[in-house]
C-alpha atoms as a PDB file:
ATOM      1  CA  UNK A   1     -38.331   8.672 -21.669  1.00  0.00           C
ATOM      2  CA  UNK A   2     -39.736   8.230 -17.181  1.00  0.00           C
ATOM      3  CA  UNK A   3     -39.726   4.891 -17.999  1.00  0.00           C
ATOM      4  CA  UNK A   4     -35.847   4.425 -19.080  1.00  0.00           C
ATOM      5  CA  UNK A   5     -34.377   7.182 -16.211  1.00  0.00           C
ATOM      6  CA  UNK A   6     -36.735   4.534 -13.519  1.00  0.00           C
ATOM      7  CA  UNK A   7     -35.012   1.401 -14.822  1.00  0.00           C
ATOM      8  CA  UNK A   8     -31.521   2.862 -16.027  1.00  0.00           C
ATOM      9  CA  UNK A   9     -31.747   4.602 -11.393  1.00  0.00           C
ATOM     10  CA  UNK A  10     -32.275   0.574 -11.084  1.00  0.00           C
ATOM     11  CA  UNK A  11     -30.545  -0.489 -12.801  1.00  0.00           C
ATOM     12  CA  UNK A  12     -27.643   1.868 -10.961  1.00  0.00           C
ATOM     13  CA  UNK A  13     -28.627   0.828  -7.875  1.00  0.00           C
ATOM     14  CA  UNK A  14     -28.542  -2.361  -7.841  1.00  0.00           C
ATOM     15  CA  UNK A  15     -25.558  -2.828  -9.502  1.00  0.00           C
ATOM     16  CA  UNK A  16     -23.823  -0.964  -7.246  1.00  0.00           C
ATOM     17  CA  UNK A  17     -25.179  -2.884  -4.654  1.00  0.00           C
ATOM     18  CA  UNK A  18     -23.382  -5.822  -5.731  1.00  0.00           C
ATOM     19  CA  UNK A  19     -20.374  -4.693  -6.290  1.00  0.00           C
ATOM     20  CA  UNK A  20     -17.974  -5.988  -3.991  1.00  0.00           C
ATOM     21  CA  UNK A  21     -14.071  -4.306  -2.774  1.00  0.00           C
ATOM     22  CA  UNK A  22     -10.804  -6.655  -3.387  1.00  0.00           C
ATOM     23  CA  UNK A  23      -7.459  -5.054  -2.831  1.00  0.00           C
ATOM     24  CA  UNK A  24      -6.193  -8.818  -5.145  1.00  0.00           C
ATOM     25  CA  UNK A  25      -4.090  -6.286  -6.464  1.00  0.00           C
ATOM     26  CA  UNK A  26      -2.315  -5.446  -3.698  1.00  0.00           C
ATOM     27  CA  UNK A  27       0.731  -8.185  -0.950  1.00  0.00           C
ATOM     28  CA  UNK A  28      -1.297  -9.254   2.403  1.00  0.00           C
ATOM     29  CA  UNK A  29      -0.458 -11.370   4.916  1.00  0.00           C
ATOM     30  CA  UNK A  30      -2.638 -14.054   6.230  1.00  0.00           C
ATOM     31  CA  UNK A  31      -3.658 -13.183   9.904  1.00  0.00           C
ATOM     32  CA  UNK A  32      -1.248 -14.280  12.369  1.00  0.00           C
ATOM     33  CA  UNK A  33      -2.432 -13.090  16.010  1.00  0.00           C
ATOM     34  CA  UNK A  34       0.491 -12.244  18.311  1.00  0.00           C
ATOM     35  CA  UNK A  35       3.550 -11.647  16.058  1.00  0.00           C
ATOM     36  CA  UNK A  36       4.518  -9.548  14.767  1.00  0.00           C
ATOM     37  CA  UNK A  37       4.699  -8.918  10.791  1.00  0.00           C
ATOM     38  CA  UNK A  38       6.287  -6.359   8.510  1.00  0.00           C
ATOM     39  CA  UNK A  39       4.285  -5.910   4.713  1.00  0.00           C
ATOM     40  CA  UNK A  40       6.302  -3.758   2.551  1.00  0.00           C
ATOM     41  CA  UNK A  41       4.789  -2.007  -0.516  1.00  0.00           C
ATOM     42  CA  UNK A  42       5.734   0.576  -2.905  1.00  0.00           C
ATOM     43  CA  UNK A  43       6.008   3.812  -0.890  1.00  0.00           C
ATOM     44  CA  UNK A  44       5.704   2.703   2.951  1.00  0.00           C
ATOM     45  CA  UNK A  45       6.939  -0.692   5.001  1.00  0.00           C
ATOM     46  CA  UNK A  46       4.240  -1.050   7.285  1.00  0.00           C
ATOM     47  CA  UNK A  47       5.312  -3.574  10.736  1.00  0.00           C
ATOM     48  CA  UNK A  48       2.123  -4.622  12.571  1.00  0.00           C
ATOM     49  CA  UNK A  49       1.210  -6.759  14.571  1.00  0.00           C
ATOM     50  CA  UNK A  50      -2.947  -8.876  14.860  1.00  0.00           C
ATOM     51  CA  UNK A  51      -5.175  -9.844  18.140  1.00  0.00           C
ATOM     52  CA  UNK A  52      -8.675 -10.627  18.320  1.00  0.00           C
ATOM     53  CA  UNK A  53     -10.861 -10.655  21.226  1.00  0.00           C
ATOM     54  CA  UNK A  54     -14.450 -11.943  22.343  1.00  0.00           C
ATOM     55  CA  UNK A  55     -17.428 -10.550  19.796  1.00  0.00           C
ATOM     56  CA  UNK A  56     -15.237 -10.135  17.127  1.00  0.00           C
ATOM     57  CA  UNK A  57     -13.095  -6.950  17.428  1.00  0.00           C
ATOM     58  CA  UNK A  58     -10.115  -7.207  15.521  1.00  0.00           C
ATOM     59  CA  UNK A  59      -7.396  -5.173  15.895  1.00  0.00           C
ATOM     60  CA  UNK A  60      -4.146  -4.384  13.487  1.00  0.00           C
ATOM     61  CA  UNK A  61      -1.997  -2.484  15.456  1.00  0.00           C
ATOM     62  CA  UNK A  62       1.664  -0.574  14.059  1.00  0.00           C
ATOM     63  CA  UNK A  63       3.682   1.272  12.491  1.00  0.00           C
ATOM     64  CA  UNK A  64       4.201   2.581   8.891  1.00  0.00           C
ATOM     65  CA  UNK A  65       7.984   4.252   7.304  1.00  0.00           C
ATOM     66  CA  UNK A  66       7.777   5.923   3.910  1.00  0.00           C
ATOM     67  CA  UNK A  67       9.711   4.252   1.151  1.00  0.00           C
ATOM     68  CA  UNK A  68      12.667   6.887   1.140  1.00  0.00           C
ATOM     69  CA  UNK A  69      13.977   5.576  -1.945  1.00  0.00           C
ATOM     70  CA  UNK A  70      10.780   5.552  -3.512  1.00  0.00           C
ATOM     71  CA  UNK A  71      10.415   9.617  -2.100  1.00  0.00           C
ATOM     72  CA  UNK A  72      11.354  12.714  -4.310  1.00  0.00           C
ATOM     73  CA  UNK A  73      14.394  13.896  -2.707  1.00  0.00           C
ATOM     74  CA  UNK A  74      13.173  17.651  -2.641  1.00  0.00           C
ATOM     75  CA  UNK A  75       9.923  15.965  -0.689  1.00  0.00           C
ATOM     76  CA  UNK A  76       9.232  18.033   2.829  1.00  0.00           C
ATOM     77  CA  UNK A  77       6.596  17.735   4.512  1.00  0.00           C
ATOM     78  CA  UNK A  78       3.647  16.007   4.800  1.00  0.00           C
ATOM     79  CA  UNK A  79       0.202  17.583   3.362  1.00  0.00           C
ATOM     80  CA  UNK A  80      -1.789  14.907   3.462  1.00  0.00           C
ATOM     81  CA  UNK A  81      -2.381  10.443   4.631  1.00  0.00           C
ATOM     82  CA  UNK A  82      -4.969   8.363   4.454  1.00  0.00           C
ATOM     83  CA  UNK A  83      -3.622   5.179   5.808  1.00  0.00           C
ATOM     84  CA  UNK A  84      -6.505   2.155   6.181  1.00  0.00           C
ATOM     85  CA  UNK A  85      -6.509  -1.075   6.769  1.00  0.00           C
ATOM     86  CA  UNK A  86      -8.370  -4.325   5.026  1.00  0.00           C
ATOM     87  CA  UNK A  87      -9.414  -7.613   6.019  1.00  0.00           C
ATOM     88  CA  UNK A  88     -10.690 -10.373   3.490  1.00  0.00           C
ATOM     89  CA  UNK A  89     -10.131 -13.839   1.771  1.00  0.00           C
ATOM     90  CA  UNK A  90      -7.136 -15.203   0.584  1.00  0.00           C
ATOM     91  CA  UNK A  91      -9.363 -14.245  -2.613  1.00  0.00           C
ATOM     92  CA  UNK A  92      -8.585 -10.700  -2.386  1.00  0.00           C
ATOM     93  CA  UNK A  93     -12.499  -9.840  -1.662  1.00  0.00           C
ATOM     94  CA  UNK A  94     -12.707  -7.313   1.483  1.00  0.00           C
ATOM     95  CA  UNK A  95     -14.615  -8.111   4.751  1.00  0.00           C
ATOM     96  CA  UNK A  96     -14.052  -5.582   7.121  1.00  0.00           C
ATOM     97  CA  UNK A  97     -12.341  -2.294   5.993  1.00  0.00           C
ATOM     98  CA  UNK A  98     -11.103   0.949   8.455  1.00  0.00           C
ATOM     99  CA  UNK A  99      -9.640   4.122   7.591  1.00  0.00           C
ATOM    100  CA  UNK A 100      -7.442   6.536   9.381  1.00  0.00           C
ATOM    101  CA  UNK A 101      -6.460  10.433   8.661  1.00  0.00           C
ATOM    102  CA  UNK A 102      -3.220  11.811  10.010  1.00  0.00           C
ATOM    103  CA  UNK A 103      -2.160  15.093  10.270  1.00  0.00           C
ATOM    104  CA  UNK A 104       0.498  17.255   7.898  1.00  0.00           C
ATOM    105  CA  UNK A 105       3.845  17.009   9.518  1.00  0.00           C
ATOM    106  CA  UNK A 106       8.087  16.655   8.556  1.00  0.00           C
ATOM    107  CA  UNK A 107       8.015  13.103   6.738  1.00  0.00           C
ATOM    108  CA  UNK A 108       8.892  10.650   9.738  1.00  0.00           C
ATOM    109  CA  UNK A 109      11.235   8.029   8.305  1.00  0.00           C
ATOM    110  CA  UNK A 110      13.161   7.411  11.040  1.00  0.00           C
ATOM    111  CA  UNK A 111       9.635   7.462  14.108  1.00  0.00           C
ATOM    112  CA  UNK A 112       7.318   6.541  11.112  1.00  0.00           C
ATOM    113  CA  UNK A 113       3.500   6.983  12.020  1.00  0.00           C
ATOM    114  CA  UNK A 114       2.016   5.039  14.275  1.00  0.00           C
ATOM    115  CA  UNK A 115      -1.975   3.294  13.560  1.00  0.00           C
ATOM    116  CA  UNK A 116      -3.841   1.319  15.044  1.00  0.00           C
ATOM    117  CA  UNK A 117      -6.977  -0.575  14.546  1.00  0.00           C
ATOM    118  CA  UNK A 118     -10.755  -1.736  15.454  1.00  0.00           C
ATOM    119  CA  UNK A 119     -12.614  -3.442  13.837  1.00  0.00           C
ATOM    120  CA  UNK A 120     -16.041  -4.633  15.536  1.00  0.00           C
ATOM    121  CA  UNK A 121     -17.722  -6.830  12.599  1.00  0.00           C
ATOM    122  CA  UNK A 122     -20.579  -9.563  12.846  1.00  0.00           C
ATOM    123  CA  UNK A 123     -19.873 -11.180   9.837  1.00  0.00           C
ATOM    124  CA  UNK A 124     -16.585 -12.054  10.914  1.00  0.00           C
ATOM    125  CA  UNK A 125     -15.724 -15.916  11.507  1.00  0.00           C
ATOM    126  CA  UNK A 126     -12.683 -16.201  13.352  1.00  0.00           C
ATOM    127  CA  UNK A 127     -13.088 -19.994  11.596  1.00  0.00           C
ATOM    128  CA  UNK A 128     -12.459 -18.510   8.190  1.00  0.00           C
ATOM    129  CA  UNK A 129      -8.779 -17.480   6.767  1.00  0.00           C
ATOM    130  CA  UNK A 130      -8.697 -14.011   6.852  1.00  0.00           C
ATOM    131  CA  UNK A 131      -5.962 -11.836   5.731  1.00  0.00           C
ATOM    132  CA  UNK A 132      -3.912  -8.283   5.822  1.00  0.00           C
ATOM    133  CA  UNK A 133      -3.378  -6.109   3.400  1.00  0.00           C
ATOM    134  CA  UNK A 134      -2.705  -1.810   4.076  1.00  0.00           C
ATOM    135  CA  UNK A 135      -3.803   0.947   2.043  1.00  0.00           C
ATOM    136  CA  UNK A 136      -2.805   4.942   2.182  1.00  0.00           C
ATOM    137  CA  UNK A 137      -3.214   8.211  -0.641  1.00  0.00           C
ATOM    138  CA  UNK A 138      -0.867  10.063  -0.158  1.00  0.00           C
ATOM    139  CA  UNK A 139       0.491  13.907  -0.437  1.00  0.00           C
ATOM    140  CA  UNK A 140       3.905  15.026  -0.884  1.00  0.00           C
ATOM    141  CA  UNK A 141       4.904  18.735  -0.290  1.00  0.00           C
ATOM    142  CA  UNK A 142       8.669  21.169  -0.411  1.00  0.00           C
ATOM    143  CA  UNK A 143       7.344  22.746   2.658  1.00  0.00           C
ATOM    144  CA  UNK A 144       5.183  22.554   4.926  1.00  0.00           C
ATOM    145  CA  UNK A 145       3.660  26.360   3.497  1.00  0.00           C
ATOM    146  CA  UNK A 146       3.459  24.813   0.264  1.00  0.00           C
ATOM    147  CA  UNK A 147       0.251  25.940  -0.906  1.00  0.00           C
ATOM    148  CA  UNK A 148      -1.413  23.122  -3.818  1.00  0.00           C
ATOM    149  CA  UNK A 149      -1.192  24.465  -7.119  1.00  0.00           C
ATOM    150  CA  UNK A 150      -0.692  27.727  -5.857  1.00  0.00           C
ATOM    151  CA  UNK A 151       1.248  29.695  -8.518  1.00  0.00           C
ATOM    152  CA  UNK A 152       4.405  32.064  -7.923  1.00  0.00           C
ATOM    153  CA  UNK A 153       3.452  35.816  -7.191  1.00  0.00           C
ATOM    154  CA  UNK A 154       5.640  36.435 -10.074  1.00  0.00           C
ATOM    155  CA  UNK A 155       3.496  34.713 -12.361  1.00  0.00           C
ATOM    156  CA  UNK A 156       6.989  32.249 -13.789  1.00  0.00           C
ATOM    157  CA  UNK A 157       4.613  30.273 -14.545  1.00  0.00           C
ATOM    158  CA  UNK A 158       6.292  27.867 -12.046  1.00  0.00           C
ATOM    159  CA  UNK A 159       4.163  26.798  -8.735  1.00  0.00           C
ATOM    160  CA  UNK A 160       4.502  24.424  -5.624  1.00  0.00           C
ATOM    161  CA  UNK A 161       5.639  20.566  -6.892  1.00  0.00           C
ATOM    162  CA  UNK A 162       3.585  17.683  -5.607  1.00  0.00           C
ATOM    163  CA  UNK A 163       4.177  14.272  -5.389  1.00  0.00           C
ATOM    164  CA  UNK A 164       0.806  12.270  -4.534  1.00  0.00           C
ATOM    165  CA  UNK A 165       0.536   8.230  -4.841  1.00  0.00           C
ATOM    166  CA  UNK A 166      -2.410   5.618  -3.400  1.00  0.00           C
ATOM    167  CA  UNK A 167      -2.858   2.158  -3.318  1.00  0.00           C
ATOM    168  CA  UNK A 168      -6.413   0.453  -1.892  1.00  0.00           C
ATOM    169  CA  UNK A 169      -9.233  -1.725  -2.185  1.00  0.00           C
ATOM    170  CA  UNK A 170     -11.001  -1.345  -6.007  1.00  0.00           C
ATOM    171  CA  UNK A 171     -13.977  -1.784  -7.323  1.00  0.00           C
ATOM    172  CA  UNK A 172     -14.533  -5.901  -8.319  1.00  0.00           C
END
């Protein structure tokens, strides 16, 4: 029994070491240094610019705008938001990524959410074609005071509504 557990653990470690993240299911665009670009996703539109510098420093900066037509009309408060940027090859294999957590706020339809990612990745080569895509994980509620899963005090069975959406990398 001990040997089986050991080999199972060893197999899991080997499998996880070989696992590769992929964004082939997401829209992506070629890396175009210094040129303003827009990437439209299901719930967010990303306006951004990419820059690369010495020592394999890659920077992606811009603003993400929620798509009002795809978000429930009752939602007014962005309770949580995590934005991700992915640098990938032409097949969608993730070469580098970074995440940024945004504090709770009113849904910023007009002003958007500013972001800036700096990736210093020695394994990336500027001669290899790179592509950019984004990911997000968000939770929208009615208002700032909404409680996750909290039932009304009169026990009517009603509770605060939560809208959750996510797009991001997947394991191959």
